[in-house]
Amino acid sequence: SQGGRARGGPSPTNRPLRATIAAAIRLSVRTTGNPGAR
């Protein structure tokens, strides 16, 4: 928390936030035009 007043109380879900975001990280590759990875 950044400190200050408390916001919202406990999490409304039990999902792990960091793992959820990490699982959404993708890799795409292009071999035409300007080849590379994103």
PDB file of all heavy atoms in Angstrom:
ATOM      1  N   SER A   1       0.835  -1.190   0.000  1.00  0.00           N
ATOM      2  CA  SER A   1       0.000   0.000   0.000  1.00  0.00           C
ATOM      3  C   SER A   1       0.873   1.245   0.000  1.00  0.00           C
ATOM      4  O   SER A   1       1.976   1.260   0.546  1.00  0.00           O
ATOM      5  CB  SER A   1      -0.894   0.000   1.242  1.00  0.00           C
ATOM      6  OG  SER A   1      -1.532   1.237   1.380  1.00  0.00           O
ATOM      7  N   GLN A   2       0.377   2.314  -0.622  1.00  0.00           N
ATOM      8  CA  GLN A   2       1.090   3.582  -0.633  1.00  0.00           C
ATOM      9  C   GLN A   2       0.887   4.347   0.674  1.00  0.00           C
ATOM     10  O   GLN A   2       1.360   5.453   0.814  1.00  0.00           O
ATOM     11  CB  GLN A   2       0.597   4.435  -1.820  1.00  0.00           C
ATOM     12  CG  GLN A   2       0.896   3.839  -3.173  1.00  0.00           C
ATOM     13  CD  GLN A   2       2.381   3.801  -3.467  1.00  0.00           C
ATOM     14  OE1 GLN A   2       3.122   4.695  -3.087  1.00  0.00           O
ATOM     15  NE2 GLN A   2       2.817   2.739  -4.116  1.00  0.00           N
ATOM     16  N   GLY A   3       0.152   3.782   1.582  1.00  0.00           N
ATOM     17  CA  GLY A   3      -0.125   4.470   2.840  1.00  0.00           C
ATOM     18  C   GLY A   3      -1.385   5.306   2.706  1.00  0.00           C
ATOM     19  O   GLY A   3      -2.140   5.175   1.756  1.00  0.00           O
ATOM     20  N   GLY A   4      -1.618   6.179   3.670  1.00  0.00           N
ATOM     21  CA  GLY A   4      -2.828   6.994   3.609  1.00  0.00           C
ATOM     22  C   GLY A   4      -4.019   6.213   4.104  1.00  0.00           C
ATOM     23  O   GLY A   4      -3.899   5.252   4.868  1.00  0.00           O
ATOM     24  N   ARG A   5      -5.198   6.596   3.639  1.00  0.00           N
ATOM     25  CA  ARG A   5      -6.387   5.922   4.146  1.00  0.00           C
ATOM     26  C   ARG A   5      -6.540   4.549   3.508  1.00  0.00           C
ATOM     27  O   ARG A   5      -6.182   4.329   2.347  1.00  0.00           O
ATOM     28  CB  ARG A   5      -7.608   6.791   3.926  1.00  0.00           C
ATOM     29  CG  ARG A   5      -8.187   6.721   2.581  1.00  0.00           C
ATOM     30  CD  ARG A   5      -9.364   7.695   2.449  1.00  0.00           C
ATOM     31  NE  ARG A   5      -9.626   7.785   1.037  1.00  0.00           N
ATOM     32  CZ  ARG A   5     -10.699   7.293   0.461  1.00  0.00           C
ATOM     33  NH1 ARG A   5     -11.652   6.773   1.180  1.00  0.00           N
ATOM     34  NH2 ARG A   5     -10.841   7.362  -0.835  1.00  0.00           N
ATOM     35  N   ALA A   6      -7.108   3.651   4.269  1.00  0.00           N
ATOM     36  CA  ALA A   6      -7.333   2.291   3.773  1.00  0.00           C
ATOM     37  C   ALA A   6      -8.416   2.319   2.712  1.00  0.00           C
ATOM     38  O   ALA A   6      -9.387   3.053   2.818  1.00  0.00           O
ATOM     39  CB  ALA A   6      -7.729   1.377   4.921  1.00  0.00           C
ATOM     40  N   ARG A   7      -8.259   1.521   1.684  1.00  0.00           N
ATOM     41  CA  ARG A   7      -9.224   1.506   0.599  1.00  0.00           C
ATOM     42  C   ARG A   7      -9.848   0.130   0.458  1.00  0.00           C
ATOM     43  O   ARG A   7      -9.142  -0.847   0.320  1.00  0.00           O
ATOM     44  CB  ARG A   7      -8.547   1.859  -0.714  1.00  0.00           C
ATOM     45  CG  ARG A   7      -7.941   3.223  -0.709  1.00  0.00           C
ATOM     46  CD  ARG A   7      -6.966   3.319  -1.818  1.00  0.00           C
ATOM     47  NE  ARG A   7      -7.367   4.306  -2.807  1.00  0.00           N
ATOM     48  CZ  ARG A   7      -6.740   4.474  -3.922  1.00  0.00           C
ATOM     49  NH1 ARG A   7      -5.734   3.717  -4.235  1.00  0.00           N
ATOM     50  NH2 ARG A   7      -7.127   5.392  -4.770  1.00  0.00           N
ATOM     51  N   GLY A   8     -11.118   0.056   0.478  1.00  0.00           N
ATOM     52  CA  GLY A   8     -11.849  -1.135   0.081  1.00  0.00           C
ATOM     53  C   GLY A   8     -11.829  -2.341   0.989  1.00  0.00           C
ATOM     54  O   GLY A   8     -12.583  -3.257   0.762  1.00  0.00           O
ATOM     55  N   GLY A   9     -10.969  -2.422   1.948  1.00  0.00           N
ATOM     56  CA  GLY A   9     -10.935  -3.580   2.830  1.00  0.00           C
ATOM     57  C   GLY A   9     -10.258  -4.772   2.190  1.00  0.00           C
ATOM     58  O   GLY A   9      -9.444  -4.625   1.281  1.00  0.00           O
ATOM     59  N   PRO A  10     -10.616  -5.971   2.636  1.00  0.00           N
ATOM     60  CA  PRO A  10      -9.959  -7.165   2.106  1.00  0.00           C
ATOM     61  C   PRO A  10     -10.318  -7.407   0.642  1.00  0.00           C
ATOM     62  O   PRO A  10     -11.323  -6.927   0.139  1.00  0.00           O
ATOM     63  CB  PRO A  10     -10.486  -8.286   3.003  1.00  0.00           C
ATOM     64  CG  PRO A  10     -11.724  -7.763   3.614  1.00  0.00           C
ATOM     65  CD  PRO A  10     -11.597  -6.275   3.659  1.00  0.00           C
ATOM     66  N   SER A  11      -9.472  -8.169  -0.015  1.00  0.00           N
ATOM     67  CA  SER A  11      -9.665  -8.471  -1.434  1.00  0.00           C
ATOM     68  C   SER A  11     -10.981  -9.207  -1.650  1.00  0.00           C
ATOM     69  O   SER A  11     -11.310 -10.132  -0.910  1.00  0.00           O
ATOM     70  CB  SER A  11      -8.512  -9.328  -1.940  1.00  0.00           C
ATOM     71  OG  SER A  11      -8.757  -9.749  -3.255  1.00  0.00           O
ATOM     72  N   PRO A  12     -11.745  -8.814  -2.668  1.00  0.00           N
ATOM     73  CA  PRO A  12     -13.005  -9.503  -2.937  1.00  0.00           C
ATOM     74  C   PRO A  12     -12.817 -10.864  -3.614  1.00  0.00           C
ATOM     75  O   PRO A  12     -13.766 -11.609  -3.780  1.00  0.00           O
ATOM     76  CB  PRO A  12     -13.737  -8.533  -3.864  1.00  0.00           C
ATOM     77  CG  PRO A  12     -12.659  -7.780  -4.545  1.00  0.00           C
ATOM     78  CD  PRO A  12     -11.534  -7.679  -3.546  1.00  0.00           C
ATOM     79  N   THR A  13     -11.605 -11.184  -4.018  1.00  0.00           N
ATOM     80  CA  THR A  13     -11.341 -12.476  -4.672  1.00  0.00           C
ATOM     81  C   THR A  13     -10.176 -13.154  -3.966  1.00  0.00           C
ATOM     82  O   THR A  13      -9.432 -12.550  -3.205  1.00  0.00           O
ATOM     83  CB  THR A  13     -10.954 -12.298  -6.150  1.00  0.00           C
ATOM     84  OG1 THR A  13      -9.683 -11.657  -6.215  1.00  0.00           O
ATOM     85  CG2 THR A  13     -11.977 -11.475  -6.901  1.00  0.00           C
ATOM     86  N   ASN A  14     -10.025 -14.410  -4.264  1.00  0.00           N
ATOM     87  CA  ASN A  14      -8.887 -15.163  -3.718  1.00  0.00           C
ATOM     88  C   ASN A  14      -7.806 -15.382  -4.763  1.00  0.00           C
ATOM     89  O   ASN A  14      -6.846 -16.092  -4.518  1.00  0.00           O
ATOM     90  CB  ASN A  14      -9.364 -16.520  -3.193  1.00  0.00           C
ATOM     91  CG  ASN A  14     -10.188 -16.366  -1.950  1.00  0.00           C
ATOM     92  OD1 ASN A  14      -9.955 -15.460  -1.146  1.00  0.00           O
ATOM     93  ND2 ASN A  14     -11.165 -17.238  -1.777  1.00  0.00           N
ATOM     94  N   ARG A  15      -7.975 -14.775  -5.945  1.00  0.00           N
ATOM     95  CA  ARG A  15      -7.005 -15.014  -7.012  1.00  0.00           C
ATOM     96  C   ARG A  15      -5.686 -14.306  -6.690  1.00  0.00           C
ATOM     97  O   ARG A  15      -5.672 -13.193  -6.172  1.00  0.00           O
ATOM     98  CB  ARG A  15      -7.552 -14.576  -8.359  1.00  0.00           C
ATOM     99  CG  ARG A  15      -7.490 -13.105  -8.562  1.00  0.00           C
ATOM    100  CD  ARG A  15      -7.885 -12.692  -9.978  1.00  0.00           C
ATOM    101  NE  ARG A  15      -8.116 -11.282  -9.929  1.00  0.00           N
ATOM    102  CZ  ARG A  15      -9.282 -10.693 -10.073  1.00  0.00           C
ATOM    103  NH1 ARG A  15     -10.345 -11.411 -10.342  1.00  0.00           N
ATOM    104  NH2 ARG A  15      -9.406  -9.401  -9.976  1.00  0.00           N
ATOM    105  N   PRO A  16      -4.581 -14.923  -7.019  1.00  0.00           N
ATOM    106  CA  PRO A  16      -3.271 -14.296  -6.813  1.00  0.00           C
ATOM    107  C   PRO A  16      -3.012 -13.249  -7.898  1.00  0.00           C
ATOM    108  O   PRO A  16      -2.889 -13.582  -9.079  1.00  0.00           O
ATOM    109  CB  PRO A  16      -2.297 -15.461  -6.903  1.00  0.00           C
ATOM    110  CG  PRO A  16      -3.020 -16.514  -7.686  1.00  0.00           C
ATOM    111  CD  PRO A  16      -4.483 -16.290  -7.477  1.00  0.00           C
ATOM    112  N   LEU A  17      -2.967 -11.989  -7.533  1.00  0.00           N
ATOM    113  CA  LEU A  17      -2.851 -10.885  -8.483  1.00  0.00           C
ATOM    114  C   LEU A  17      -1.601 -10.994  -9.350  1.00  0.00           C
ATOM    115  O   LEU A  17      -1.672 -10.937 -10.573  1.00  0.00           O
ATOM    116  CB  LEU A  17      -2.854  -9.548  -7.742  1.00  0.00           C
ATOM    117  CG  LEU A  17      -2.650  -8.311  -8.606  1.00  0.00           C
ATOM    118  CD1 LEU A  17      -3.800  -8.175  -9.601  1.00  0.00           C
ATOM    119  CD2 LEU A  17      -2.522  -7.079  -7.743  1.00  0.00           C
ATOM    120  N   ARG A  18      -0.438 -11.146  -8.731  1.00  0.00           N
ATOM    121  CA  ARG A  18       0.806 -11.167  -9.506  1.00  0.00           C
ATOM    122  C   ARG A  18       0.862 -12.349 -10.465  1.00  0.00           C
ATOM    123  O   ARG A  18       1.282 -12.216 -11.612  1.00  0.00           O
ATOM    124  CB  ARG A  18       2.007 -11.154  -8.572  1.00  0.00           C
ATOM    125  CG  ARG A  18       2.151  -9.818  -7.861  1.00  0.00           C
ATOM    126  CD  ARG A  18       3.171  -9.880  -6.794  1.00  0.00           C
ATOM    127  NE  ARG A  18       2.575 -10.621  -5.680  1.00  0.00           N
ATOM    128  CZ  ARG A  18       3.051 -10.674  -4.467  1.00  0.00           C
ATOM    129  NH1 ARG A  18       4.173 -10.052  -4.182  1.00  0.00           N
ATOM    130  NH2 ARG A  18       2.453 -11.349  -3.517  1.00  0.00           N
ATOM    131  N   ALA A  19       0.416 -13.523 -10.019  1.00  0.00           N
ATOM    132  CA  ALA A  19       0.421 -14.704 -10.892  1.00  0.00           C
ATOM    133  C   ALA A  19      -0.554 -14.532 -12.053  1.00  0.00           C
ATOM    134  O   ALA A  19      -0.283 -14.970 -13.175  1.00  0.00           O
ATOM    135  CB  ALA A  19       0.074 -15.957 -10.094  1.00  0.00           C
ATOM    136  N   THR A  20      -1.678 -13.874 -11.805  1.00  0.00           N
ATOM    137  CA  THR A  20      -2.666 -13.628 -12.855  1.00  0.00           C
ATOM    138  C   THR A  20      -2.076 -12.716 -13.928  1.00  0.00           C
ATOM    139  O   THR A  20      -2.231 -12.969 -15.129  1.00  0.00           O
ATOM    140  CB  THR A  20      -3.940 -12.993 -12.265  1.00  0.00           C
ATOM    141  OG1 THR A  20      -4.470 -13.879 -11.277  1.00  0.00           O
ATOM    142  CG2 THR A  20      -4.977 -12.735 -13.319  1.00  0.00           C
ATOM    143  N   ILE A  21      -1.389 -11.669 -13.507  1.00  0.00           N
ATOM    144  CA  ILE A  21      -0.770 -10.747 -14.465  1.00  0.00           C
ATOM    145  C   ILE A  21       0.372 -11.438 -15.208  1.00  0.00           C
ATOM    146  O   ILE A  21       0.497 -11.317 -16.432  1.00  0.00           O
ATOM    147  CB  ILE A  21      -0.284  -9.474 -13.752  1.00  0.00           C
ATOM    148  CG1 ILE A  21      -1.491  -8.694 -13.210  1.00  0.00           C
ATOM    149  CG2 ILE A  21       0.536  -8.600 -14.697  1.00  0.00           C
ATOM    150  CD1 ILE A  21      -1.134  -7.553 -12.299  1.00  0.00           C
ATOM    151  N   ALA A  22       1.200 -12.198 -14.499  1.00  0.00           N
ATOM    152  CA  ALA A  22       2.321 -12.889 -15.134  1.00  0.00           C
ATOM    153  C   ALA A  22       1.841 -13.887 -16.193  1.00  0.00           C
ATOM    154  O   ALA A  22       2.456 -14.024 -17.252  1.00  0.00           O
ATOM    155  CB  ALA A  22       3.170 -13.601 -14.085  1.00  0.00           C
ATOM    156  N   ALA A  23       0.719 -14.543 -15.925  1.00  0.00           N
ATOM    157  CA  ALA A  23       0.195 -15.523 -16.877  1.00  0.00           C
ATOM    158  C   ALA A  23      -0.315 -14.858 -18.154  1.00  0.00           C
ATOM    159  O   ALA A  23      -0.434 -15.511 -19.192  1.00  0.00           O
ATOM    160  CB  ALA A  23      -0.921 -16.339 -16.227  1.00  0.00           C
ATOM    161  N   ALA A  24      -0.605 -13.568 -18.106  1.00  0.00           N
ATOM    162  CA  ALA A  24      -1.110 -12.847 -19.278  1.00  0.00           C
ATOM    163  C   ALA A  24       0.012 -12.272 -20.139  1.00  0.00           C
ATOM    164  O   ALA A  24      -0.258 -11.673 -21.180  1.00  0.00           O
ATOM    165  CB  ALA A  24      -2.053 -11.731 -18.839  1.00  0.00           C
ATOM    166  N   ILE A  25       1.260 -12.442 -19.740  1.00  0.00           N
ATOM    167  CA  ILE A  25       2.387 -11.940 -20.524  1.00  0.00           C
ATOM    168  C   ILE A  25       2.606 -12.876 -21.709  1.00  0.00           C
ATOM    169  O   ILE A  25       2.745 -14.076 -21.549  1.00  0.00           O
ATOM    170  CB  ILE A  25       3.663 -11.825 -19.661  1.00  0.00           C
ATOM    171  CG1 ILE A  25       3.441 -10.777 -18.574  1.00  0.00           C
ATOM    172  CG2 ILE A  25       4.866 -11.477 -20.526  1.00  0.00           C
ATOM    173  CD1 ILE A  25       4.566 -10.680 -17.569  1.00  0.00           C
ATOM    174  N   ARG A  26       2.598 -12.308 -22.901  1.00  0.00           N
ATOM    175  CA  ARG A  26       2.692 -13.086 -24.131  1.00  0.00           C
ATOM    176  C   ARG A  26       3.920 -12.690 -24.940  1.00  0.00           C
ATOM    177  O   ARG A  26       4.468 -11.609 -24.788  1.00  0.00           O
ATOM    178  CB  ARG A  26       1.456 -12.840 -25.007  1.00  0.00           C
ATOM    179  CG  ARG A  26       0.151 -13.183 -24.356  1.00  0.00           C
ATOM    180  CD  ARG A  26      -0.045 -14.699 -24.335  1.00  0.00           C
ATOM    181  NE  ARG A  26      -1.403 -15.008 -23.946  1.00  0.00           N
ATOM    182  CZ  ARG A  26      -1.740 -15.467 -22.744  1.00  0.00           C
ATOM    183  NH1 ARG A  26      -0.837 -15.659 -21.832  1.00  0.00           N
ATOM    184  NH2 ARG A  26      -2.999 -15.743 -22.467  1.00  0.00           N
ATOM    185  N   LEU A  27       4.284 -13.590 -25.837  1.00  0.00           N
ATOM    186  CA  LEU A  27       5.395 -13.376 -26.760  1.00  0.00           C
ATOM    187  C   LEU A  27       4.869 -13.598 -28.167  1.00  0.00           C
ATOM    188  O   LEU A  27       4.253 -14.623 -28.447  1.00  0.00           O
ATOM    189  CB  LEU A  27       6.515 -14.380 -26.452  1.00  0.00           C
ATOM    190  CG  LEU A  27       7.639 -14.526 -27.457  1.00  0.00           C
ATOM    191  CD1 LEU A  27       8.428 -13.244 -27.579  1.00  0.00           C
ATOM    192  CD2 LEU A  27       8.551 -15.668 -27.041  1.00  0.00           C
ATOM    193  N   SER A  28       5.056 -12.624 -29.049  1.00  0.00           N
ATOM    194  CA  SER A  28       4.673 -12.814 -30.444  1.00  0.00           C
ATOM    195  C   SER A  28       5.896 -12.550 -31.323  1.00  0.00           C
ATOM    196  O   SER A  28       6.731 -11.711 -31.009  1.00  0.00           O
ATOM    197  CB  SER A  28       3.512 -11.896 -30.831  1.00  0.00           C
ATOM    198  OG  SER A  28       3.852 -10.553 -30.666  1.00  0.00           O
ATOM    199  N   VAL A  29       5.973 -13.305 -32.409  1.00  0.00           N
ATOM    200  CA  VAL A  29       7.120 -13.241 -33.311  1.00  0.00           C
ATOM    201  C   VAL A  29       6.631 -12.891 -34.708  1.00  0.00           C
ATOM    202  O   VAL A  29       5.601 -13.385 -35.156  1.00  0.00           O
ATOM    203  CB  VAL A  29       7.859 -14.604 -33.340  1.00  0.00           C
ATOM    204  CG1 VAL A  29       8.975 -14.595 -34.367  1.00  0.00           C
ATOM    205  CG2 VAL A  29       8.402 -14.944 -31.970  1.00  0.00           C
ATOM    206  N   ARG A  30       7.391 -12.014 -35.375  1.00  0.00           N
ATOM    207  CA  ARG A  30       7.072 -11.641 -36.756  1.00  0.00           C
ATOM    208  C   ARG A  30       8.329 -11.867 -37.596  1.00  0.00           C
ATOM    209  O   ARG A  30       9.417 -11.455 -37.218  1.00  0.00           O
ATOM    210  CB  ARG A  30       6.647 -10.179 -36.809  1.00  0.00           C
ATOM    211  CG  ARG A  30       6.304  -9.728 -38.194  1.00  0.00           C
ATOM    212  CD  ARG A  30       5.758  -8.338 -38.260  1.00  0.00           C
ATOM    213  NE  ARG A  30       6.523  -7.426 -37.419  1.00  0.00           N
ATOM    214  CZ  ARG A  30       6.074  -6.262 -37.010  1.00  0.00           C
ATOM    215  NH1 ARG A  30       4.877  -5.873 -37.340  1.00  0.00           N
ATOM    216  NH2 ARG A  30       6.813  -5.474 -36.272  1.00  0.00           N
ATOM    217  N   THR A  31       8.151 -12.541 -38.727  1.00  0.00           N
ATOM    218  CA  THR A  31       9.300 -12.814 -39.599  1.00  0.00           C
ATOM    219  C   THR A  31       9.213 -12.049 -40.911  1.00  0.00           C
ATOM    220  O   THR A  31      10.112 -12.154 -41.734  1.00  0.00           O
ATOM    221  CB  THR A  31       9.407 -14.320 -39.898  1.00  0.00           C
ATOM    222  OG1 THR A  31       8.178 -14.769 -40.455  1.00  0.00           O
ATOM    223  CG2 THR A  31       9.739 -15.110 -38.653  1.00  0.00           C
ATOM    224  N   THR A  32       8.145 -11.292 -41.123  1.00  0.00           N
ATOM    225  CA  THR A  32       8.022 -10.511 -42.349  1.00  0.00           C
ATOM    226  C   THR A  32       8.130  -9.032 -42.023  1.00  0.00           C
ATOM    227  O   THR A  32       7.964  -8.633 -40.879  1.00  0.00           O
ATOM    228  CB  THR A  32       6.674 -10.773 -43.035  1.00  0.00           C
ATOM    229  OG1 THR A  32       5.629 -10.418 -42.138  1.00  0.00           O
ATOM    230  CG2 THR A  32       6.531 -12.218 -43.447  1.00  0.00           C
ATOM    231  N   GLY A  33       8.366  -8.227 -43.016  1.00  0.00           N
ATOM    232  CA  GLY A  33       8.444  -6.784 -42.797  1.00  0.00           C
ATOM    233  C   GLY A  33       9.601  -6.432 -41.882  1.00  0.00           C
ATOM    234  O   GLY A  33      10.751  -6.481 -42.274  1.00  0.00           O
ATOM    235  N   ASN A  34       9.285  -6.089 -40.657  1.00  0.00           N
ATOM    236  CA  ASN A  34      10.280  -5.753 -39.646  1.00  0.00           C
ATOM    237  C   ASN A  34      10.350  -6.917 -38.662  1.00  0.00           C
ATOM    238  O   ASN A  34       9.652  -6.923 -37.664  1.00  0.00           O
ATOM    239  CB  ASN A  34       9.878  -4.449 -38.946  1.00  0.00           C
ATOM    240  CG  ASN A  34      10.933  -3.965 -37.989  1.00  0.00           C
ATOM    241  OD1 ASN A  34      12.067  -4.420 -38.030  1.00  0.00           O
ATOM    242  ND2 ASN A  34      10.557  -3.055 -37.126  1.00  0.00           N
ATOM    243  N   PRO A  35      11.176  -7.948 -38.932  1.00  0.00           N
ATOM    244  CA  PRO A  35      11.178  -9.149 -38.107  1.00  0.00           C
ATOM    245  C   PRO A  35      11.652  -8.875 -36.688  1.00  0.00           C
ATOM    246  O   PRO A  35      12.455  -7.984 -36.446  1.00  0.00           O
ATOM    247  CB  PRO A  35      12.128 -10.102 -38.831  1.00  0.00           C
ATOM    248  CG  PRO A  35      12.920  -9.271 -39.753  1.00  0.00           C
ATOM    249  CD  PRO A  35      12.143  -8.026 -40.016  1.00  0.00           C
ATOM    250  N   GLY A  36      11.111  -9.641 -35.766  1.00  0.00           N
ATOM    251  CA  GLY A  36      11.520  -9.512 -34.376  1.00  0.00           C
ATOM    252  C   GLY A  36      10.480 -10.108 -33.453  1.00  0.00           C
ATOM    253  O   GLY A  36       9.542 -10.770 -33.884  1.00  0.00           O
ATOM    254  N   ALA A  37      10.654  -9.870 -32.170  1.00  0.00           N
ATOM    255  CA  ALA A  37       9.749 -10.388 -31.151  1.00  0.00           C
ATOM    256  C   ALA A  37       9.182  -9.231 -30.350  1.00  0.00           C
ATOM    257  O   ALA A  37       9.804  -8.180 -30.222  1.00  0.00           O
ATOM    258  CB  ALA A  37      10.492 -11.350 -30.233  1.00  0.00           C
ATOM    259  N   ARG A  38       7.987  -9.457 -29.830  1.00  0.00           N
ATOM    260  CA  ARG A  38       7.331  -8.455 -29.008  1.00  0.00           C
ATOM    261  C   ARG A  38       6.793  -9.166 -27.778  1.00  0.00           C
ATOM    262  O   ARG A  38       6.152 -10.216 -27.893  1.00  0.00           O
ATOM    263  CB  ARG A  38       6.190  -7.808 -29.787  1.00  0.00           C
ATOM    264  CG  ARG A  38       5.524  -6.672 -29.065  1.00  0.00           C
ATOM    265  CD  ARG A  38       4.489  -6.040 -29.960  1.00  0.00           C
ATOM    266  NE  ARG A  38       3.323  -6.881 -30.012  1.00  0.00           N
ATOM    267  CZ  ARG A  38       2.075  -6.454 -29.792  1.00  0.00           C
ATOM    268  NH1 ARG A  38       1.856  -5.193 -29.550  1.00  0.00           N
ATOM    269  NH2 ARG A  38       1.073  -7.287 -29.847  1.00  0.00           N
TER     270      ARG A  38
END
